[in-house]
Amino acid sequence: MTICFFSAQYLPTPGGVERYTWNLALRCVRSGGRAIVVTSALPGLPDHETDADGIEIYRLPVFAAMGGRFPVLRPGRALRALTRQLWRHKIDFCVIQTRMYVQSLWAAWAAKRRGIPALVIDHSTGYMPVGGGLVGLAGRVYEQTVCRLIRAAGHPFYGVSAAVCRWLRSFGITAAGCLPNAVDPAALDAEAGQDPLDWRAALWLAPSTRLVAFVGRLIPEKGAAALAEAAAALPGTALVALGTGPEEDRLRAAGAHVPGAVSHARVVQLLRQADCYCLPTRYAEGFPTTLLEAAACGCPIVCTPTAGTEELLPGPEYGTLLADTRPETIRAALQTVLDDPAAARRRAAAARARLEAHFTWDAVFATIKAIAGGA
């Protein structure tokens, strides 16, 4: 079976949707199928290649709007040549990631015209943050319009969490089901042993330093700046923020350690060594991958009740939920977790056990394969 995955952004761009796509494509290849990923062009990378995992990748020319966060297909000869080559393949099924991108709309109708069954997976619980006033209104009108056009192609929609499925009702969509975000705990355990790094030593911190980890894009909606202020108020505590974005300098000025882009193995190693993972996001998350990875690594979790939290952390015995994202609220929650490490580790162990029972990539891909086989 050949499955074509459409994702407006893909590795090496860091992010949950990117790794979601890669994990499904990887399992397609491992099951004996053929995986094609169609994404956006990136500087220095070829337009077409087959990577070391056996995944074939097409990178279409785009305009990098919103600082690259919103790639828009660039019409022209290069796009026509690549898409002609793409559609020469005998594709059995298409998986279209998210509903708001121009590429998603294009993919939905391209599949329909060719009679290829497809599904759309949504990853958000709110509108893309583009600003307030008329700009914000225009963004919401755009999303409603694009969503109606994708719906008209007739493909079923799925959410990566129950909260995403509820959000889809805002567009008049009843989700066909949930295809949850997931991780591979065994693979993460293996990554932790690759070229091991002692993060405290690497950052010239005392062995007794309490580490708080943040992993994600360093944008205002993710709340890293408030977290930095909170961590700075706790003696003997250091915040390590892994990611890139416009808030890097602000976080460094607040005393956080911001190493920039690092390998995924380094992310896993930090989560294994940290005393706490904190995600005080205000973003319309679908089901944050880093939340799942923290649970898989046995790292105690402090986060806002964002989408997916209710499924992974259904009660206080699994993690700590923030009432709001004010620095003083975050500081108090961190203090409680850091002052009782034994209790924090018990909650972390419960979260990992729940993850292993419900949120693995093998289970998610098996569901997609069954849907594709019955289409």
Protein backbone atom coordinates (compact mmCIF):
# COMPACT_ATOMS: atom_id res chain seq x y z
CA MET A 1 0.00 0.00 0.00
CA THR A 2 1.24 3.49 -0.89
CA ILE A 3 0.15 6.25 1.49
CA CYS A 4 0.82 9.90 0.69
CA PHE A 5 1.12 12.21 3.69
CA PHE A 6 0.55 15.94 3.11
CA SER A 7 2.10 18.14 5.80
CA ALA A 8 2.74 21.84 5.16
CA GLN A 9 5.79 21.60 7.43
CA TYR A 10 8.00 18.57 8.00
CA LEU A 11 11.31 17.58 9.50
CA PRO A 12 13.89 18.97 10.04
CA THR A 13 11.47 21.76 11.05
CA PRO A 14 10.75 20.96 14.72
CA GLY A 15 7.19 20.49 15.86
CA GLY A 16 4.46 18.07 16.85
CA VAL A 17 2.73 17.81 13.47
CA GLU A 18 6.09 17.25 11.80
CA ARG A 19 6.99 14.33 14.06
CA TYR A 20 3.45 12.96 13.88
CA THR A 21 3.78 12.78 10.10
CA TRP A 22 7.25 11.21 10.28
CA ASN A 23 6.18 8.56 12.76
CA LEU A 24 3.22 7.46 10.65
CA ALA A 25 5.30 7.46 7.45
CA LEU A 26 8.01 5.44 9.18
CA ARG A 27 5.53 2.80 10.28
CA CYS A 28 4.10 2.64 6.79
CA VAL A 29 7.57 1.77 5.46
CA ARG A 30 8.25 -0.70 8.26
CA SER A 31 4.98 -2.50 7.53
CA GLY A 32 6.12 -3.11 3.95
CA GLY A 33 4.27 -0.21 2.38
CA ARG A 34 5.46 2.88 0.55
CA ALA A 35 5.33 6.29 2.24
CA ILE A 36 5.42 9.61 0.38
CA VAL A 37 5.55 12.91 2.28
CA VAL A 38 4.57 16.10 0.45
CA THR A 39 5.69 19.23 2.24
CA SER A 40 7.19 22.70 1.73
CA ALA A 41 10.59 23.53 0.31
CA LEU A 42 13.37 24.44 2.73
CA PRO A 43 16.70 26.13 1.92
CA GLY A 44 19.49 23.65 1.27
CA LEU A 45 17.25 20.61 0.91
CA PRO A 46 16.43 18.85 -2.40
CA ASP A 47 13.00 19.15 -3.98
CA HIS A 48 12.73 15.36 -4.18
CA GLU A 49 14.56 12.62 -2.32
CA THR A 50 14.20 9.33 -0.50
CA ASP A 51 15.61 9.66 3.00
CA ALA A 52 17.52 7.18 5.15
CA ASP A 53 14.24 5.82 6.56
CA GLY A 54 12.98 4.92 3.08
CA ILE A 55 10.44 7.76 3.05
CA GLU A 56 10.09 9.55 -0.29
CA ILE A 57 9.81 13.33 0.15
CA TYR A 58 8.53 16.01 -2.23
CA ARG A 59 9.22 19.60 -1.17
CA LEU A 60 6.99 21.99 -3.07
CA PRO A 61 7.94 25.65 -3.71
CA VAL A 62 6.23 28.06 -1.29
CA PHE A 63 6.01 31.63 -0.12
CA ALA A 64 7.17 31.55 3.52
CA ALA A 65 4.43 33.72 5.05
CA MET A 66 4.32 34.61 8.77
CA GLY A 67 8.05 34.03 9.13
CA GLY A 68 7.74 30.53 7.70
CA ARG A 69 4.90 29.46 10.03
CA PHE A 70 2.38 29.62 7.19
CA PRO A 71 3.85 28.35 3.90
CA VAL A 72 1.75 29.11 0.82
CA LEU A 73 2.18 27.16 -2.42
CA ARG A 74 4.07 29.15 -5.05
CA PRO A 75 2.52 28.64 -8.50
CA GLY A 76 4.85 28.17 -11.44
CA ARG A 77 6.84 25.71 -13.51
CA ALA A 78 8.64 24.09 -10.56
CA LEU A 79 5.36 23.32 -8.77
CA ARG A 80 3.80 21.88 -11.92
CA ALA A 81 6.83 19.67 -12.60
CA LEU A 82 6.97 18.27 -9.07
CA THR A 83 3.24 17.59 -8.83
CA ARG A 84 3.20 15.86 -12.23
CA GLN A 85 5.94 13.58 -10.94
CA LEU A 86 4.05 13.02 -7.67
CA TRP A 87 0.79 12.01 -9.27
CA ARG A 88 2.46 9.50 -11.56
CA HIS A 89 2.73 7.26 -8.51
CA LYS A 90 -0.09 4.83 -7.82
CA ILE A 91 -1.25 6.26 -4.50
CA ASP A 92 -3.75 4.19 -2.52
CA PHE A 93 -4.58 6.62 0.27
CA CYS A 94 -3.86 10.20 1.36
CA VAL A 95 -3.45 11.58 4.88
CA ILE A 96 -3.84 15.37 4.98
CA GLN A 97 -2.50 17.13 8.08
CA THR A 98 -4.50 20.08 9.48
CA ARG A 99 -7.29 21.98 7.83
CA MET A 100 -6.07 25.56 7.53
CA TYR A 101 -3.18 25.44 5.08
CA VAL A 102 -3.39 26.20 1.38
CA GLN A 103 -1.59 22.93 0.75
CA SER A 104 -4.29 21.05 2.69
CA LEU A 105 -7.01 22.52 0.48
CA TRP A 106 -5.03 21.72 -2.65
CA ALA A 107 -4.35 18.16 -1.50
CA ALA A 108 -7.99 17.48 -0.59
CA TRP A 109 -9.24 18.42 -4.03
CA ALA A 110 -6.32 16.85 -5.91
CA ALA A 111 -7.10 13.53 -4.20
CA LYS A 112 -10.83 13.87 -4.95
CA ARG A 113 -10.23 14.57 -8.64
CA ARG A 114 -8.09 11.45 -8.90
CA GLY A 115 -10.50 9.26 -6.95
CA ILE A 116 -7.99 8.64 -4.14
CA PRO A 117 -9.58 8.11 -0.71
CA ALA A 118 -8.24 10.40 1.99
CA LEU A 119 -8.74 11.68 5.52
CA VAL A 120 -7.94 14.98 7.21
CA ILE A 121 -6.31 15.05 10.65
CA ASP A 122 -6.68 18.25 12.66
CA HIS A 123 -4.24 19.26 15.39
CA SER A 124 -5.68 22.45 16.91
CA THR A 125 -8.31 23.60 19.37
CA GLY A 126 -8.52 27.21 18.28
CA TYR A 127 -7.84 29.61 15.48
CA MET A 128 -4.28 30.24 14.36
CA PRO A 129 -3.02 33.23 16.38
CA VAL A 130 -2.40 36.05 13.90
CA GLY A 131 -3.27 39.07 16.04
CA GLY A 132 -6.29 40.98 17.20
CA GLY A 133 -8.71 43.41 15.61
CA LEU A 134 -9.30 43.23 11.88
CA VAL A 135 -6.26 41.00 11.34
CA GLY A 136 -7.60 38.41 13.77
CA LEU A 137 -11.07 38.63 12.22
CA ALA A 138 -9.60 38.12 8.75
CA GLY A 139 -7.72 35.07 10.00
CA ARG A 140 -10.87 33.51 11.40
CA VAL A 141 -12.83 34.22 8.22
CA TYR A 142 -10.00 32.66 6.20
CA GLU A 143 -10.01 29.48 8.33
CA GLN A 144 -13.79 29.14 8.14
CA THR A 145 -13.68 29.57 4.37
CA VAL A 146 -10.84 27.11 3.78
CA CYS A 147 -12.45 24.59 6.10
CA ARG A 148 -15.74 24.75 4.16
CA LEU A 149 -13.87 24.21 0.91
CA ILE A 150 -11.99 21.20 2.30
CA ARG A 151 -15.21 19.76 3.71
CA ALA A 152 -16.77 20.02 0.26
CA ALA A 153 -14.18 17.52 -1.02
CA GLY A 154 -15.97 14.92 1.09
CA HIS A 155 -13.10 13.43 3.09
CA PRO A 156 -13.67 12.47 6.76
CA PHE A 157 -12.05 14.54 9.52
CA TYR A 158 -10.27 13.17 12.59
CA GLY A 159 -8.84 14.95 15.64
CA VAL A 160 -5.68 14.15 17.58
CA SER A 161 -7.58 14.49 20.85
CA ALA A 162 -11.15 14.62 22.10
CA ALA A 163 -10.77 18.39 22.51
CA VAL A 164 -9.81 18.75 18.84
CA CYS A 165 -12.87 16.73 17.85
CA ARG A 166 -15.02 19.13 19.89
CA TRP A 167 -13.32 22.15 18.27
CA LEU A 168 -14.13 20.82 14.80
CA ARG A 169 -17.81 21.36 15.58
CA SER A 170 -17.06 25.10 15.30
CA PHE A 171 -16.78 24.45 11.58
CA GLY A 172 -19.89 22.30 11.37
CA ILE A 173 -17.79 19.12 11.31
CA THR A 174 -18.55 15.95 13.22
CA ALA A 175 -15.25 14.12 13.54
CA ALA A 176 -15.20 10.53 12.31
CA GLY A 177 -12.98 9.61 15.23
CA CYS A 178 -9.78 10.31 17.12
CA LEU A 179 -6.28 9.50 15.88
CA PRO A 180 -4.35 10.60 18.95
CA ASN A 181 -0.89 12.01 19.02
CA ALA A 182 1.49 9.37 20.29
CA VAL A 183 5.09 8.39 20.96
CA ASP A 184 7.24 5.28 20.84
CA PRO A 185 8.53 4.84 24.42
CA ALA A 186 11.09 2.18 23.41
CA ALA A 187 12.53 4.44 20.70
CA LEU A 188 12.79 7.32 23.16
CA ASP A 189 14.57 5.07 25.65
CA ALA A 190 17.05 4.14 22.91
CA GLU A 191 17.59 7.79 21.95
CA ALA A 192 18.43 8.64 25.53
CA GLY A 193 21.51 6.42 25.23
CA GLN A 194 22.83 7.95 22.00
CA ASP A 195 26.00 9.95 22.70
CA PRO A 196 24.83 10.70 26.24
CA LEU A 197 25.02 14.28 27.48
CA ASP A 198 24.92 15.43 31.09
CA TRP A 199 22.91 18.63 30.72
CA ARG A 200 23.92 20.06 34.07
CA ALA A 201 27.60 19.60 33.30
CA ALA A 202 27.17 20.92 29.75
CA LEU A 203 25.59 24.11 31.10
CA TRP A 204 28.15 24.46 33.93
CA LEU A 205 25.50 23.93 36.57
CA ALA A 206 26.02 22.34 39.97
CA PRO A 207 24.89 18.69 40.16
CA SER A 208 22.28 19.71 42.76
CA THR A 209 20.66 22.29 40.43
CA ARG A 210 16.97 21.61 39.90
CA LEU A 211 16.27 21.53 36.16
CA VAL A 212 12.99 22.72 34.64
CA ALA A 213 12.59 21.81 30.97
CA PHE A 214 10.62 23.62 28.28
CA VAL A 215 10.50 22.22 24.75
CA GLY A 216 8.77 23.97 21.87
CA ARG A 217 8.69 27.00 19.64
CA LEU A 218 9.78 30.12 21.53
CA ILE A 219 6.74 32.23 20.67
CA PRO A 220 4.63 34.31 23.09
CA GLU A 221 1.64 31.94 22.99
CA LYS A 222 3.69 29.09 24.43
CA GLY A 223 4.29 30.94 27.71
CA ALA A 224 8.05 30.39 28.00
CA ALA A 225 8.67 33.99 29.08
CA ALA A 226 6.34 33.67 32.07
CA LEU A 227 7.98 30.35 32.89
CA ALA A 228 11.43 31.97 32.80
CA GLU A 229 10.28 34.63 35.27
CA ALA A 230 8.83 31.95 37.54
CA ALA A 231 11.94 29.76 37.46
CA ALA A 232 14.21 32.74 38.15
CA ALA A 233 12.36 33.28 41.44
CA LEU A 234 13.21 29.76 42.68
CA PRO A 235 16.67 29.44 44.25
CA GLY A 236 18.83 26.64 42.91
CA THR A 237 16.63 26.19 39.85
CA ALA A 238 17.54 26.54 36.18
CA LEU A 239 15.23 26.66 33.17
CA VAL A 240 16.45 25.02 29.96
CA ALA A 241 14.32 26.07 26.99
CA LEU A 242 14.90 23.94 23.90
CA GLY A 243 13.61 25.49 20.69
CA THR A 244 13.94 28.52 18.50
CA GLY A 245 11.81 31.58 17.93
CA PRO A 246 11.44 35.30 18.48
CA GLU A 247 11.60 35.07 22.29
CA GLU A 248 15.11 33.58 22.49
CA ASP A 249 16.81 36.83 23.56
CA ARG A 250 14.05 37.65 26.05
CA LEU A 251 14.44 34.26 27.72
CA ARG A 252 18.21 34.56 27.95
CA ALA A 253 17.81 38.01 29.51
CA ALA A 254 15.53 36.43 32.13
CA GLY A 255 18.24 33.92 33.04
CA ALA A 256 17.05 30.89 31.08
CA HIS A 257 19.47 28.62 29.23
CA VAL A 258 18.51 28.63 25.52
CA PRO A 259 20.81 26.29 23.56
CA GLY A 260 18.90 26.79 20.30
CA ALA A 261 18.11 23.91 17.95
CA VAL A 262 19.38 20.55 19.22
CA SER A 263 18.95 16.95 18.11
CA HIS A 264 15.91 15.02 19.26
CA ALA A 265 18.19 12.74 21.27
CA ARG A 266 19.31 15.79 23.26
CA VAL A 267 15.65 16.69 23.91
CA VAL A 268 15.00 13.20 25.24
CA GLN A 269 18.11 13.31 27.42
CA LEU A 270 17.00 16.61 28.95
CA LEU A 271 13.54 15.24 29.70
CA ARG A 272 15.10 12.18 31.34
CA GLN A 273 17.33 14.36 33.55
CA ALA A 274 14.97 17.25 34.36
CA ASP A 275 13.13 17.53 37.65
CA CYS A 276 10.10 18.95 35.92
CA TYR A 277 8.70 19.61 32.44
CA CYS A 278 6.56 22.74 32.19
CA LEU A 279 4.34 23.85 29.30
CA PRO A 280 2.37 26.98 30.32
CA THR A 281 0.93 27.36 26.82
CA ARG A 282 -1.93 29.62 25.77
CA TYR A 283 -1.65 28.27 22.22
CA ALA A 284 -4.51 26.32 20.63
CA GLU A 285 -2.69 23.01 21.04
CA GLY A 286 -4.10 19.79 19.65
CA PHE A 287 -2.13 17.30 21.75
CA PRO A 288 1.44 18.50 22.38
CA THR A 289 4.08 15.94 21.41
CA THR A 290 6.44 17.24 24.08
CA LEU A 291 3.78 16.52 26.71
CA LEU A 292 3.72 12.88 25.61
CA GLU A 293 7.50 12.70 25.39
CA ALA A 294 7.85 14.07 28.91
CA ALA A 295 5.49 11.38 30.17
CA ALA A 296 7.40 8.70 28.27
CA CYS A 297 10.66 9.93 29.82
CA GLY A 298 9.24 9.78 33.35
CA CYS A 299 9.53 13.54 33.80
CA PRO A 300 7.04 15.15 36.22
CA ILE A 301 4.63 17.42 34.30
CA VAL A 302 3.31 20.90 35.04
CA CYS A 303 1.12 22.33 32.29
CA THR A 304 -1.99 24.25 31.42
CA PRO A 305 -5.14 22.19 30.76
CA THR A 306 -4.58 22.32 27.02
CA ALA A 307 -5.97 19.84 24.53
CA GLY A 308 -4.96 16.26 25.19
CA THR A 309 -4.26 16.92 28.86
CA GLU A 310 -7.60 15.43 29.88
CA GLU A 311 -6.71 12.16 28.13
CA LEU A 312 -3.11 11.81 29.33
CA LEU A 313 -3.53 13.42 32.77
CA PRO A 314 -7.12 12.71 33.82
CA GLY A 315 -6.47 13.52 37.47
CA PRO A 316 -3.99 15.09 39.92
CA GLU A 317 -2.35 11.70 40.48
CA TYR A 318 -0.81 11.98 36.98
CA GLY A 319 0.46 15.57 36.83
CA THR A 320 -0.02 19.18 37.91
CA LEU A 321 -2.34 21.50 36.01
CA LEU A 322 -1.98 25.28 36.12
CA ALA A 323 -4.99 27.44 36.94
CA ASP A 324 -3.58 30.26 34.79
CA THR A 325 -0.33 31.34 33.15
CA ARG A 326 0.73 34.16 35.48
CA PRO A 327 4.37 33.85 36.60
CA GLU A 328 3.35 33.65 40.26
CA THR A 329 0.97 30.76 39.53
CA ILE A 330 3.65 28.90 37.61
CA ARG A 331 6.21 29.56 40.35
CA ALA A 332 3.92 28.13 43.05
CA ALA A 333 3.21 24.98 41.01
CA LEU A 334 6.90 24.44 40.30
CA GLN A 335 7.75 24.95 43.96
CA THR A 336 5.24 22.27 45.00
CA VAL A 337 6.64 19.76 42.50
CA LEU A 338 10.31 20.49 43.17
CA ASP A 339 9.95 20.43 46.95
CA ASP A 340 8.51 16.87 46.94
CA PRO A 341 10.43 14.93 44.29
CA ALA A 342 9.21 11.53 45.51
CA ALA A 343 5.55 12.48 45.00
CA ALA A 344 6.40 14.08 41.65
CA ARG A 345 8.06 10.88 40.44
CA ARG A 346 5.05 8.79 41.51
CA ARG A 347 2.81 11.00 39.35
CA ALA A 348 5.30 10.75 36.50
CA ALA A 349 5.30 6.93 36.72
CA ALA A 350 1.50 6.89 36.57
CA ALA A 351 1.54 9.16 33.50
CA ARG A 352 4.04 6.89 31.71
CA ALA A 353 1.94 3.80 32.44
CA ARG A 354 -1.15 5.51 31.03
CA LEU A 355 0.79 6.60 27.94
CA GLU A 356 2.06 3.08 27.26
CA ALA A 357 -1.49 1.76 27.46
CA HIS A 358 -3.15 4.30 25.14
CA PHE A 359 -0.78 6.51 23.12
CA THR A 360 1.67 4.55 20.93
CA TRP A 361 2.40 5.02 17.22
CA ASP A 362 1.89 1.36 16.38
CA ALA A 363 -1.72 1.60 17.58
CA VAL A 364 -2.41 4.82 15.69
CA PHE A 365 -0.94 3.53 12.43
CA ALA A 366 -2.89 0.28 12.75
CA THR A 367 -6.08 2.35 12.89
CA ILE A 368 -5.09 4.41 9.84
CA LYS A 369 -4.19 1.28 7.91
CA ALA A 370 -7.59 -0.22 8.74
CA ILE A 371 -9.34 2.96 7.58
CA ALA A 372 -7.32 2.96 4.35
CA GLY A 373 -8.03 -0.72 3.76
CA GLY A 374 -11.75 -0.18 4.14
CA ALA A 375 -11.93 2.96 2.02
